[in-house]
Amino acid sequence: MRLEVCRRAGILGMWFYGDSRPSKSDSVIVFRHRGIACDYTECGIFIASKYATLEKPVKMTLGELLESLPKDERVYADNNGFSKFFREHGIKTVGDFLRVLEALESE
């Protein structure tokens, strides 16, 4: 399934919320039309609860989500575990995110 980001709402990428160390097998809660993915940590569940009444979420793995997005799609995170992970590994796009996760999983 190709996830569409709602560009008319001004969302030009995918936002990630949560505090776990990401891996492709992690389950995430995705709000397609808002461009938001949350993990199952306290941070992720808190953000997901804010959007659950606005849109029906889709549950999938982080790997499935990333594979379904364009590789040049921007990824964002602010003040959470994902943001720290993105900074540590220089992640700016979905393609960067996938490459880092695959490299870490092959170690």
Protein backbone atom coordinates (compact mmCIF):
# COMPACT_ATOMS: atom_id res chain seq x y z
CA MET A 1 0.00 0.00 0.00
CA ARG A 2 1.41 3.40 -1.00
CA LEU A 3 0.97 5.87 1.81
CA GLU A 4 -0.02 9.32 0.63
CA VAL A 5 1.00 12.36 2.61
CA CYS A 6 -1.60 15.12 2.67
CA ARG A 7 0.32 17.86 0.89
CA ARG A 8 -2.58 20.28 0.87
CA ALA A 9 -2.34 20.32 4.67
CA GLY A 10 1.27 21.48 4.33
CA ILE A 11 2.84 18.17 5.36
CA LEU A 12 5.83 17.56 3.12
CA GLY A 13 7.26 14.46 4.73
CA MET A 14 6.71 11.84 7.39
CA TRP A 15 6.89 12.67 11.11
CA PHE A 16 8.03 10.00 13.58
CA TYR A 17 7.18 9.95 17.28
CA GLY A 18 8.49 7.62 19.96
CA ASP A 19 11.47 6.79 22.11
CA SER A 20 12.46 3.26 21.11
CA ARG A 21 15.62 2.47 19.17
CA PRO A 22 14.10 1.88 15.73
CA SER A 23 14.30 -1.41 13.85
CA LYS A 24 12.49 -2.55 10.71
CA SER A 25 10.48 -5.11 12.68
CA ASP A 26 9.05 -2.54 15.13
CA SER A 27 5.29 -2.08 15.01
CA VAL A 28 4.12 1.45 14.30
CA ILE A 29 0.79 3.24 14.24
CA VAL A 30 0.44 5.25 11.03
CA PHE A 31 -1.87 8.15 10.27
CA ARG A 32 -1.58 8.27 6.48
CA HIS A 33 -3.30 11.55 5.74
CA ARG A 34 -1.40 13.40 8.43
CA GLY A 35 2.03 11.94 7.64
CA ILE A 36 2.58 10.64 11.17
CA ALA A 37 4.01 7.37 12.49
CA CYS A 38 4.18 6.49 16.19
CA ASP A 39 5.88 3.62 17.96
CA TYR A 40 4.47 1.87 21.03
CA THR A 41 6.50 3.72 23.67
CA GLU A 42 4.82 6.16 26.05
CA CYS A 43 5.78 9.05 23.74
CA GLY A 44 4.42 7.33 20.63
CA ILE A 45 1.15 6.28 22.28
CA PHE A 46 0.63 9.80 23.65
CA ILE A 47 0.95 11.35 20.18
CA ALA A 48 -1.18 8.59 18.60
CA SER A 49 -3.96 9.27 21.10
CA LYS A 50 -4.10 12.88 19.85
CA TYR A 51 -4.79 11.78 16.27
CA ALA A 52 -6.89 8.64 16.82
CA THR A 53 -10.18 10.55 16.79
CA LEU A 54 -9.25 12.42 13.59
CA GLU A 55 -8.24 9.49 11.42
CA LYS A 56 -8.35 5.71 11.57
CA PRO A 57 -4.77 4.50 12.06
CA VAL A 58 -3.05 1.72 10.13
CA LYS A 59 -0.83 -0.71 12.02
CA MET A 60 2.27 -2.04 10.26
CA THR A 61 5.96 -2.56 10.81
CA LEU A 62 8.41 0.27 10.42
CA GLY A 63 10.02 -1.64 7.55
CA GLU A 64 6.69 -1.97 5.70
CA LEU A 65 6.04 1.73 6.16
CA LEU A 66 9.45 2.80 4.90
CA GLU A 67 9.30 0.42 1.91
CA SER A 68 5.95 1.93 0.91
CA LEU A 69 7.21 5.53 0.84
CA PRO A 70 9.29 7.25 -1.86
CA LYS A 71 12.97 6.99 -0.96
CA ASP A 72 13.44 10.76 -1.31
CA GLU A 73 10.55 11.53 1.09
CA ARG A 74 11.76 13.70 3.98
CA VAL A 75 11.59 12.31 7.51
CA TYR A 76 11.19 14.43 10.63
CA ALA A 77 11.19 14.00 14.38
CA ASP A 78 11.31 16.56 17.13
CA ASN A 79 12.50 16.10 20.71
CA ASN A 80 12.12 12.32 20.93
CA GLY A 81 14.04 9.09 20.42
CA PHE A 82 13.61 9.22 16.66
CA SER A 83 15.09 12.74 16.50
CA LYS A 84 18.16 11.59 18.44
CA PHE A 85 18.54 8.57 16.15
CA PHE A 86 18.18 10.77 13.03
CA ARG A 87 20.82 13.22 14.28
CA GLU A 88 23.27 10.47 15.28
CA HIS A 89 23.07 8.85 11.84
CA GLY A 90 22.56 11.90 9.60
CA ILE A 91 19.13 10.72 8.44
CA LYS A 92 17.17 13.15 6.26
CA THR A 93 15.11 10.92 3.94
CA VAL A 94 13.28 7.59 3.90
CA GLY A 95 16.14 6.16 1.84
CA ASP A 96 18.68 7.26 4.48
CA PHE A 97 16.53 5.75 7.23
CA LEU A 98 16.25 2.39 5.42
CA ARG A 99 20.00 2.23 4.69
CA VAL A 100 20.88 2.91 8.34
CA LEU A 101 18.38 0.36 9.67
CA GLU A 102 19.59 -2.30 7.23
CA ALA A 103 23.25 -1.60 8.09
CA LEU A 104 22.56 -1.81 11.83
CA GLU A 105 20.59 -5.04 11.46
CA SER A 106 23.38 -6.67 9.43
CA GLU A 107 25.99 -6.00 12.15
